[in-house]
PDB file of N, CA and C in Angstrom:
ATOM      1  N   MET A   1       7.374  19.217   9.509  1.00  0.00           N
ATOM      2  CA  MET A   1       6.722  18.013   9.996  1.00  0.00           C
ATOM      3  C   MET A   1       7.554  16.796   9.597  1.00  0.00           C
ATOM      4  N   THR A   2       7.655  15.835  10.516  1.00  0.00           N
ATOM      5  CA  THR A   2       8.403  14.611  10.248  1.00  0.00           C
ATOM      6  C   THR A   2       7.445  13.430  10.162  1.00  0.00           C
ATOM      7  N   LEU A   3       7.952  12.293   9.722  1.00  0.00           N
ATOM      8  CA  LEU A   3       7.119  11.101   9.611  1.00  0.00           C
ATOM      9  C   LEU A   3       6.475  10.730  10.939  1.00  0.00           C
ATOM     10  N   THR A   4       7.206  10.868  12.039  1.00  0.00           N
ATOM     11  CA  THR A   4       6.653  10.488  13.342  1.00  0.00           C
ATOM     12  C   THR A   4       5.602  11.472  13.856  1.00  0.00           C
ATOM     13  N   ASP A   5       5.404  12.578  13.165  1.00  0.00           N
ATOM     14  CA  ASP A   5       4.307  13.486  13.510  1.00  0.00           C
ATOM     15  C   ASP A   5       2.960  12.979  12.982  1.00  0.00           C
ATOM     16  N   LEU A   6       3.000  12.033  12.053  1.00  0.00           N
ATOM     17  CA  LEU A   6       1.766  11.449  11.541  1.00  0.00           C
ATOM     18  C   LEU A   6       1.146  10.534  12.602  1.00  0.00           C
ATOM     19  N   PRO A   7      -0.191  10.465  12.668  1.00  0.00           N
ATOM     20  CA  PRO A   7      -0.813   9.529  13.608  1.00  0.00           C
ATOM     21  C   PRO A   7      -0.349   8.106  13.323  1.00  0.00           C
ATOM     22  N   ASN A   8      -0.138   7.338  14.364  1.00  0.00           N
ATOM     23  CA  ASN A   8       0.199   5.909  14.293  1.00  0.00           C
ATOM     24  C   ASN A   8       1.628   5.619  13.853  1.00  0.00           C
ATOM     25  N   VAL A   9       2.427   6.629  13.582  1.00  0.00           N
ATOM     26  CA  VAL A   9       3.787   6.400  13.074  1.00  0.00           C
ATOM     27  C   VAL A   9       4.798   6.656  14.188  1.00  0.00           C
ATOM     28  N   GLY A  10       5.354   5.556  14.680  1.00  0.00           N
ATOM     29  CA  GLY A  10       6.418   5.642  15.665  1.00  0.00           C
ATOM     30  C   GLY A  10       7.761   5.428  14.983  1.00  0.00           C
ATOM     31  N   PRO A  11       8.808   5.292  15.779  1.00  0.00           N
ATOM     32  CA  PRO A  11      10.156   5.151  15.208  1.00  0.00           C
ATOM     33  C   PRO A  11      10.318   3.950  14.269  1.00  0.00           C
ATOM     34  N   LYS A  12       9.746   2.812  14.616  1.00  0.00           N
ATOM     35  CA  LYS A  12       9.902   1.604  13.785  1.00  0.00           C
ATOM     36  C   LYS A  12       9.218   1.773  12.435  1.00  0.00           C
ATOM     37  N   LEU A  13       7.972   2.245  12.440  1.00  0.00           N
ATOM     38  CA  LEU A  13       7.261   2.438  11.177  1.00  0.00           C
ATOM     39  C   LEU A  13       7.926   3.546  10.355  1.00  0.00           C
ATOM     40  N   ALA A  14       8.387   4.592  11.005  1.00  0.00           N
ATOM     41  CA  ALA A  14       9.096   5.660  10.299  1.00  0.00           C
ATOM     42  C   ALA A  14      10.354   5.109   9.617  1.00  0.00           C
ATOM     43  N   GLU A  15      11.058   4.215  10.289  1.00  0.00           N
ATOM     44  CA  GLU A  15      12.244   3.604   9.687  1.00  0.00           C
ATOM     45  C   GLU A  15      11.850   2.774   8.465  1.00  0.00           C
ATOM     46  N   ASN A  16      10.758   2.016   8.565  1.00  0.00           N
ATOM     47  CA  ASN A  16      10.288   1.248   7.408  1.00  0.00           C
ATOM     48  C   ASN A  16       9.913   2.179   6.255  1.00  0.00           C
ATOM     49  N   LEU A  17       9.279   3.293   6.567  1.00  0.00           N
ATOM     50  CA  LEU A  17       8.926   4.258   5.526  1.00  0.00           C
ATOM     51  C   LEU A  17      10.180   4.786   4.839  1.00  0.00           C
ATOM     52  N   ARG A  18      11.197   5.127   5.618  1.00  0.00           N
ATOM     53  CA  ARG A  18      12.446   5.623   5.028  1.00  0.00           C
ATOM     54  C   ARG A  18      13.119   4.542   4.181  1.00  0.00           C
ATOM     55  N   ARG A  19      13.114   3.317   4.667  1.00  0.00           N
ATOM     56  CA  ARG A  19      13.722   2.216   3.909  1.00  0.00           C
ATOM     57  C   ARG A  19      12.973   1.957   2.602  1.00  0.00           C
ATOM     58  N   ALA A  20      11.695   2.346   2.565  1.00  0.00           N
ATOM     59  CA  ALA A  20      10.885   2.203   1.353  1.00  0.00           C
ATOM     60  C   ALA A  20      10.965   3.455   0.470  1.00  0.00           C
ATOM     61  N   GLY A  21      11.844   4.398   0.822  1.00  0.00           N
ATOM     62  CA  GLY A  21      12.088   5.562  -0.012  1.00  0.00           C
ATOM     63  C   GLY A  21      11.221   6.770   0.273  1.00  0.00           C
ATOM     64  N   LEU A  22      10.557   6.785   1.423  1.00  0.00           N
ATOM     65  CA  LEU A  22       9.673   7.898   1.778  1.00  0.00           C
ATOM     66  C   LEU A  22      10.300   8.660   2.934  1.00  0.00           C
ATOM     67  N   GLU A  23      10.627   9.907   2.688  1.00  0.00           N
ATOM     68  CA  GLU A  23      11.338  10.705   3.686  1.00  0.00           C
ATOM     69  C   GLU A  23      10.450  11.693   4.434  1.00  0.00           C
ATOM     70  N   THR A  24       9.328  12.084   3.842  1.00  0.00           N
ATOM     71  CA  THR A  24       8.494  13.127   4.437  1.00  0.00           C
ATOM     72  C   THR A  24       7.028  12.698   4.463  1.00  0.00           C
ATOM     73  N   PRO A  25       6.214  13.338   5.306  1.00  0.00           N
ATOM     74  CA  PRO A  25       4.774  13.072   5.268  1.00  0.00           C
ATOM     75  C   PRO A  25       4.179  13.340   3.881  1.00  0.00           C
ATOM     76  N   GLU A  26       4.716  14.308   3.175  1.00  0.00           N
ATOM     77  CA  GLU A  26       4.233  14.604   1.832  1.00  0.00           C
ATOM     78  C   GLU A  26       4.501  13.438   0.881  1.00  0.00           C
ATOM     79  N   ASP A  27       5.700  12.834   0.985  1.00  0.00           N
ATOM     80  CA  ASP A  27       6.010  11.645   0.179  1.00  0.00           C
ATOM     81  C   ASP A  27       4.995  10.541   0.474  1.00  0.00           C
ATOM     82  N   PHE A  28       4.713  10.351   1.756  1.00  0.00           N
ATOM     83  CA  PHE A  28       3.774   9.313   2.183  1.00  0.00           C
ATOM     84  C   PHE A  28       2.385   9.569   1.616  1.00  0.00           C
ATOM     85  N   ARG A  29       1.895  10.792   1.788  1.00  0.00           N
ATOM     86  CA  ARG A  29       0.542  11.118   1.316  1.00  0.00           C
ATOM     87  C   ARG A  29       0.430  10.995  -0.200  1.00  0.00           C
ATOM     88  N   ALA A  30       1.480  11.362  -0.916  1.00  0.00           N
ATOM     89  CA  ALA A  30       1.455  11.273  -2.379  1.00  0.00           C
ATOM     90  C   ALA A  30       1.328   9.825  -2.847  1.00  0.00           C
ATOM     91  N   ALA A  31       1.917   8.900  -2.114  1.00  0.00           N
ATOM     92  CA  ALA A  31       1.881   7.492  -2.502  1.00  0.00           C
ATOM     93  C   ALA A  31       0.607   6.791  -2.036  1.00  0.00           C
ATOM     94  N   GLY A  32       0.117   7.119  -0.851  1.00  0.00           N
ATOM     95  CA  GLY A  32      -1.063   6.456  -0.305  1.00  0.00           C
ATOM     96  C   GLY A  32      -0.713   5.207   0.482  1.00  0.00           C
ATOM     97  N   ALA A  33      -1.564   4.869   1.418  1.00  0.00           N
ATOM     98  CA  ALA A  33      -1.280   3.790   2.370  1.00  0.00           C
ATOM     99  C   ALA A  33      -1.061   2.435   1.707  1.00  0.00           C
ATOM    100  N   ARG A  34      -1.897   2.081   0.758  1.00  0.00           N
ATOM    101  CA  ARG A  34      -1.771   0.758   0.139  1.00  0.00           C
ATOM    102  C   ARG A  34      -0.458   0.631  -0.640  1.00  0.00           C
ATOM    103  N   GLU A  35      -0.137   1.635  -1.434  1.00  0.00           N
ATOM    104  CA  GLU A  35       1.118   1.624  -2.192  1.00  0.00           C
ATOM    105  C   GLU A  35       2.314   1.598  -1.245  1.00  0.00           C
ATOM    106  N   VAL A  36       2.244   2.380  -0.192  1.00  0.00           N
ATOM    107  CA  VAL A  36       3.331   2.412   0.788  1.00  0.00           C
ATOM    108  C   VAL A  36       3.495   1.042   1.439  1.00  0.00           C
ATOM    109  N   PHE A  37       2.382   0.398   1.777  1.00  0.00           N
ATOM    110  CA  PHE A  37       2.460  -0.933   2.380  1.00  0.00           C
ATOM    111  C   PHE A  37       3.158  -1.911   1.432  1.00  0.00           C
ATOM    112  N   LEU A  38       2.808  -1.860   0.162  1.00  0.00           N
ATOM    113  CA  LEU A  38       3.469  -2.739  -0.811  1.00  0.00           C
ATOM    114  C   LEU A  38       4.964  -2.448  -0.891  1.00  0.00           C
ATOM    115  N   ARG A  39       5.336  -1.175  -0.855  1.00  0.00           N
ATOM    116  CA  ARG A  39       6.763  -0.816  -0.869  1.00  0.00           C
ATOM    117  C   ARG A  39       7.471  -1.322   0.377  1.00  0.00           C
ATOM    118  N   ILE A  40       6.829  -1.183   1.533  1.00  0.00           N
ATOM    119  CA  ILE A  40       7.438  -1.670   2.777  1.00  0.00           C
ATOM    120  C   ILE A  40       7.655  -3.167   2.683  1.00  0.00           C
ATOM    121  N   ARG A  41       6.655  -3.885   2.206  1.00  0.00           N
ATOM    122  CA  ARG A  41       6.811  -5.334   2.064  1.00  0.00           C
ATOM    123  C   ARG A  41       7.948  -5.696   1.107  1.00  0.00           C
ATOM    124  N   ALA A  42       8.097  -4.938   0.039  1.00  0.00           N
ATOM    125  CA  ALA A  42       9.113  -5.243  -0.971  1.00  0.00           C
ATOM    126  C   ALA A  42      10.510  -4.795  -0.562  1.00  0.00           C
ATOM    127  N   GLN A  43      10.611  -3.689   0.171  1.00  0.00           N
ATOM    128  CA  GLN A  43      11.922  -3.077   0.391  1.00  0.00           C
ATOM    129  C   GLN A  43      12.388  -3.035   1.837  1.00  0.00           C
ATOM    130  N   ALA A  44      11.473  -3.221   2.791  1.00  0.00           N
ATOM    131  CA  ALA A  44      11.888  -3.027   4.187  1.00  0.00           C
ATOM    132  C   ALA A  44      11.534  -4.196   5.088  1.00  0.00           C
ATOM    133  N   ASP A  45      10.312  -4.708   4.969  1.00  0.00           N
ATOM    134  CA  ASP A  45       9.841  -5.735   5.901  1.00  0.00           C
ATOM    135  C   ASP A  45       8.846  -6.650   5.198  1.00  0.00           C
ATOM    136  N   PRO A  46       9.321  -7.768   4.643  1.00  0.00           N
ATOM    137  CA  PRO A  46       8.428  -8.663   3.915  1.00  0.00           C
ATOM    138  C   PRO A  46       7.361  -9.315   4.800  1.00  0.00           C
ATOM    139  N   THR A  47       7.499  -9.188   6.100  1.00  0.00           N
ATOM    140  CA  THR A  47       6.514  -9.773   7.021  1.00  0.00           C
ATOM    141  C   THR A  47       5.554  -8.724   7.580  1.00  0.00           C
ATOM    142  N   ALA A  48       5.533  -7.525   6.988  1.00  0.00           N
ATOM    143  CA  ALA A  48       4.640  -6.470   7.476  1.00  0.00           C
ATOM    144  C   ALA A  48       3.215  -7.016   7.574  1.00  0.00           C
ATOM    145  N   CYS A  49       2.563  -6.722   8.705  1.00  0.00           N
ATOM    146  CA  CYS A  49       1.270  -7.325   9.018  1.00  0.00           C
ATOM    147  C   CYS A  49       0.106  -6.358   8.785  1.00  0.00           C
ATOM    148  N   PHE A  50      -1.098  -6.881   8.993  1.00  0.00           N
ATOM    149  CA  PHE A  50      -2.318  -6.098   8.827  1.00  0.00           C
ATOM    150  C   PHE A  50      -2.318  -4.878   9.738  1.00  0.00           C
ATOM    151  N   HIS A  51      -1.771  -5.006  10.932  1.00  0.00           N
ATOM    152  CA  HIS A  51      -1.742  -3.869  11.863  1.00  0.00           C
ATOM    153  C   HIS A  51      -0.900  -2.714  11.304  1.00  0.00           C
ATOM    154  N   GLN A  52       0.165  -3.053  10.592  1.00  0.00           N
ATOM    155  CA  GLN A  52       0.975  -2.007   9.977  1.00  0.00           C
ATOM    156  C   GLN A  52       0.190  -1.321   8.850  1.00  0.00           C
ATOM    157  N   LEU A  53      -0.577  -2.112   8.105  1.00  0.00           N
ATOM    158  CA  LEU A  53      -1.421  -1.537   7.055  1.00  0.00           C
ATOM    159  C   LEU A  53      -2.462  -0.599   7.651  1.00  0.00           C
ATOM    160  N   THR A  54      -3.107  -1.000   8.745  1.00  0.00           N
ATOM    161  CA  THR A  54      -4.117  -0.115   9.346  1.00  0.00           C
ATOM    162  C   THR A  54      -3.469   1.134   9.944  1.00  0.00           C
ATOM    163  N   ALA A  55      -2.265   1.007  10.475  1.00  0.00           N
ATOM    164  CA  ALA A  55      -1.555   2.180  10.982  1.00  0.00           C
ATOM    165  C   ALA A  55      -1.298   3.162   9.845  1.00  0.00           C
ATOM    166  N   LEU A  56      -0.885   2.642   8.698  1.00  0.00           N
ATOM    167  CA  LEU A  56      -0.641   3.494   7.538  1.00  0.00           C
ATOM    168  C   LEU A  56      -1.926   4.147   7.044  1.00  0.00           C
ATOM    169  N   ALA A  57      -3.003   3.386   6.993  1.00  0.00           N
ATOM    170  CA  ALA A  57      -4.282   3.925   6.534  1.00  0.00           C
ATOM    171  C   ALA A  57      -4.764   5.030   7.472  1.00  0.00           C
ATOM    172  N   GLY A  58      -4.623   4.821   8.768  1.00  0.00           N
ATOM    173  CA  GLY A  58      -4.987   5.857   9.724  1.00  0.00           C
ATOM    174  C   GLY A  58      -4.135   7.099   9.554  1.00  0.00           C
ATOM    175  N   ALA A  59      -2.848   6.892   9.330  1.00  0.00           N
ATOM    176  CA  ALA A  59      -1.952   8.032   9.122  1.00  0.00           C
ATOM    177  C   ALA A  59      -2.359   8.807   7.879  1.00  0.00           C
ATOM    178  N   GLU A  60      -2.734   8.083   6.831  1.00  0.00           N
ATOM    179  CA  GLU A  60      -3.173   8.749   5.595  1.00  0.00           C
ATOM    180  C   GLU A  60      -4.435   9.573   5.853  1.00  0.00           C
ATOM    181  N   LEU A  61      -5.336   9.050   6.678  1.00  0.00           N
ATOM    182  CA  LEU A  61      -6.582   9.753   6.998  1.00  0.00           C
ATOM    183  C   LEU A  61      -6.404  10.809   8.087  1.00  0.00           C
ATOM    184  N   GLY A  62      -5.263  10.749   8.783  1.00  0.00           N
ATOM    185  CA  GLY A  62      -5.007  11.695   9.865  1.00  0.00           C
ATOM    186  C   GLY A  62      -5.714  11.341  11.158  1.00  0.00           C
ATOM    187  N   ILE A  63      -5.967  10.033  11.345  1.00  0.00           N
ATOM    188  CA  ILE A  63      -6.698   9.574  12.528  1.00  0.00           C
ATOM    189  C   ILE A  63      -5.997   8.367  13.152  1.00  0.00           C
ATOM    190  N   PRO A  64      -6.282   8.082  14.438  1.00  0.00           N
ATOM    191  CA  PRO A  64      -5.767   6.845  15.031  1.00  0.00           C
ATOM    192  C   PRO A  64      -6.349   5.635  14.293  1.00  0.00           C
ATOM    193  N   LYS A  65      -5.584   4.570  14.205  1.00  0.00           N
ATOM    194  CA  LYS A  65      -6.069   3.410  13.453  1.00  0.00           C
ATOM    195  C   LYS A  65      -7.344   2.827  14.042  1.00  0.00           C
ATOM    196  N   LYS A  66      -7.569   2.995  15.326  1.00  0.00           N
ATOM    197  CA  LYS A  66      -8.803   2.496  15.941  1.00  0.00           C
ATOM    198  C   LYS A  66     -10.032   3.255  15.458  1.00  0.00           C
ATOM    199  N   ALA A  67      -9.842   4.438  14.880  1.00  0.00           N
ATOM    200  CA  ALA A  67     -10.955   5.264  14.417  1.00  0.00           C
ATOM    201  C   ALA A  67     -11.286   5.049  12.937  1.00  0.00           C
ATOM    202  N   ILE A  68     -10.589   4.134  12.285  1.00  0.00           N
ATOM    203  CA  ILE A  68     -10.883   3.864  10.873  1.00  0.00           C
ATOM    204  C   ILE A  68     -12.294   3.286  10.778  1.00  0.00           C
ATOM    205  N   PRO A  69     -13.127   3.831   9.902  1.00  0.00           N
ATOM    206  CA  PRO A  69     -14.495   3.309   9.755  1.00  0.00           C
ATOM    207  C   PRO A  69     -14.500   1.818   9.377  1.00  0.00           C
ATOM    208  N   ALA A  70     -15.513   1.123   9.823  1.00  0.00           N
ATOM    209  CA  ALA A  70     -15.610  -0.326   9.602  1.00  0.00           C
ATOM    210  C   ALA A  70     -15.538  -0.685   8.118  1.00  0.00           C
ATOM    211  N   GLU A  71     -16.169   0.104   7.268  1.00  0.00           N
ATOM    212  CA  GLU A  71     -16.157  -0.190   5.833  1.00  0.00           C
ATOM    213  C   GLU A  71     -14.737  -0.114   5.269  1.00  0.00           C
ATOM    214  N   GLU A  72     -14.003   0.899   5.694  1.00  0.00           N
ATOM    215  CA  GLU A  72     -12.620   1.041   5.228  1.00  0.00           C
ATOM    216  C   GLU A  72     -11.747  -0.074   5.787  1.00  0.00           C
ATOM    217  N   LYS A  73     -11.976  -0.438   7.043  1.00  0.00           N
ATOM    218  CA  LYS A  73     -11.197  -1.524   7.633  1.00  0.00           C
ATOM    219  C   LYS A  73     -11.464  -2.835   6.893  1.00  0.00           C
ATOM    220  N   ALA A  74     -12.713  -3.066   6.486  1.00  0.00           N
ATOM    221  CA  ALA A  74     -13.037  -4.274   5.716  1.00  0.00           C
ATOM    222  C   ALA A  74     -12.344  -4.248   4.357  1.00  0.00           C
ATOM    223  N   ALA A  75     -12.288  -3.079   3.721  1.00  0.00           N
ATOM    224  CA  ALA A  75     -11.595  -2.954   2.439  1.00  0.00           C
ATOM    225  C   ALA A  75     -10.097  -3.199   2.609  1.00  0.00           C
ATOM    226  N   LEU A  76      -9.543  -2.712   3.692  1.00  0.00           N
ATOM    227  CA  LEU A  76      -8.125  -2.953   3.976  1.00  0.00           C
ATOM    228  C   LEU A  76      -7.866  -4.436   4.192  1.00  0.00           C
ATOM    229  N   ARG A  77      -8.776  -5.102   4.903  1.00  0.00           N
ATOM    230  CA  ARG A  77      -8.628  -6.546   5.149  1.00  0.00           C
ATOM    231  C   ARG A  77      -8.659  -7.303   3.823  1.00  0.00           C
ATOM    232  N   ALA A  78      -9.583  -6.945   2.940  1.00  0.00           N
ATOM    233  CA  ALA A  78      -9.667  -7.601   1.641  1.00  0.00           C
ATOM    234  C   ALA A  78      -8.385  -7.375   0.831  1.00  0.00           C
ATOM    235  N   PHE A  79      -7.864  -6.157   0.859  1.00  0.00           N
ATOM    236  CA  PHE A  79      -6.604  -5.847   0.183  1.00  0.00           C
ATOM    237  C   PHE A  79      -5.480  -6.708   0.757  1.00  0.00           C
ATOM    238  N   PHE A  80      -5.359  -6.729   2.081  1.00  0.00           N
ATOM    239  CA  PHE A  80      -4.300  -7.492   2.739  1.00  0.00           C
ATOM    240  C   PHE A  80      -4.414  -8.980   2.405  1.00  0.00           C
ATOM    241  N   ASP A  81      -5.623  -9.512   2.478  1.00  0.00           N
ATOM    242  CA  ASP A  81      -5.823 -10.942   2.198  1.00  0.00           C
ATOM    243  C   ASP A  81      -5.548 -11.301   0.753  1.00  0.00           C
ATOM    244  N   SER A  82      -5.611 -10.313  -0.143  1.00  0.00           N
ATOM    245  CA  SER A  82      -5.346 -10.586  -1.555  1.00  0.00           C
ATOM    246  C   SER A  82      -3.854 -10.682  -1.873  1.00  0.00           C
ATOM    247  N   LEU A  83      -3.011 -10.305  -0.931  1.00  0.00           N
ATOM    248  CA  LEU A  83      -1.568 -10.306  -1.183  1.00  0.00           C
ATOM    249  C   LEU A  83      -0.967 -11.686  -1.039  1.00  0.00           C
TER     250      LEU A  83
END
C-alpha cells in the first residue's frame, strides 16, 4: 500500500507527507493526523490549510473527509484555530 491509497491523499498531499518524513501509510497512522499536520507545516508547507488537516483526519479514519463526524470536525477546527 502507498500513501496515495489512503482516502483523500492525492499526489500533492503524498508529496507533503514524504517531505515531512512519512514514507508509508503505516508511518502516517503511527503519527496521527494532527502530528502529521504540524510536521507538514514545519517541514513542507507552512501555509497548509484546514482542508489539508481534514483530508489527513479522514485518511487516518479511513473515510472521505466529507464523512468526518461533526464533533470531530469541530475538534479539528479548534485545533487548527489554536495554531
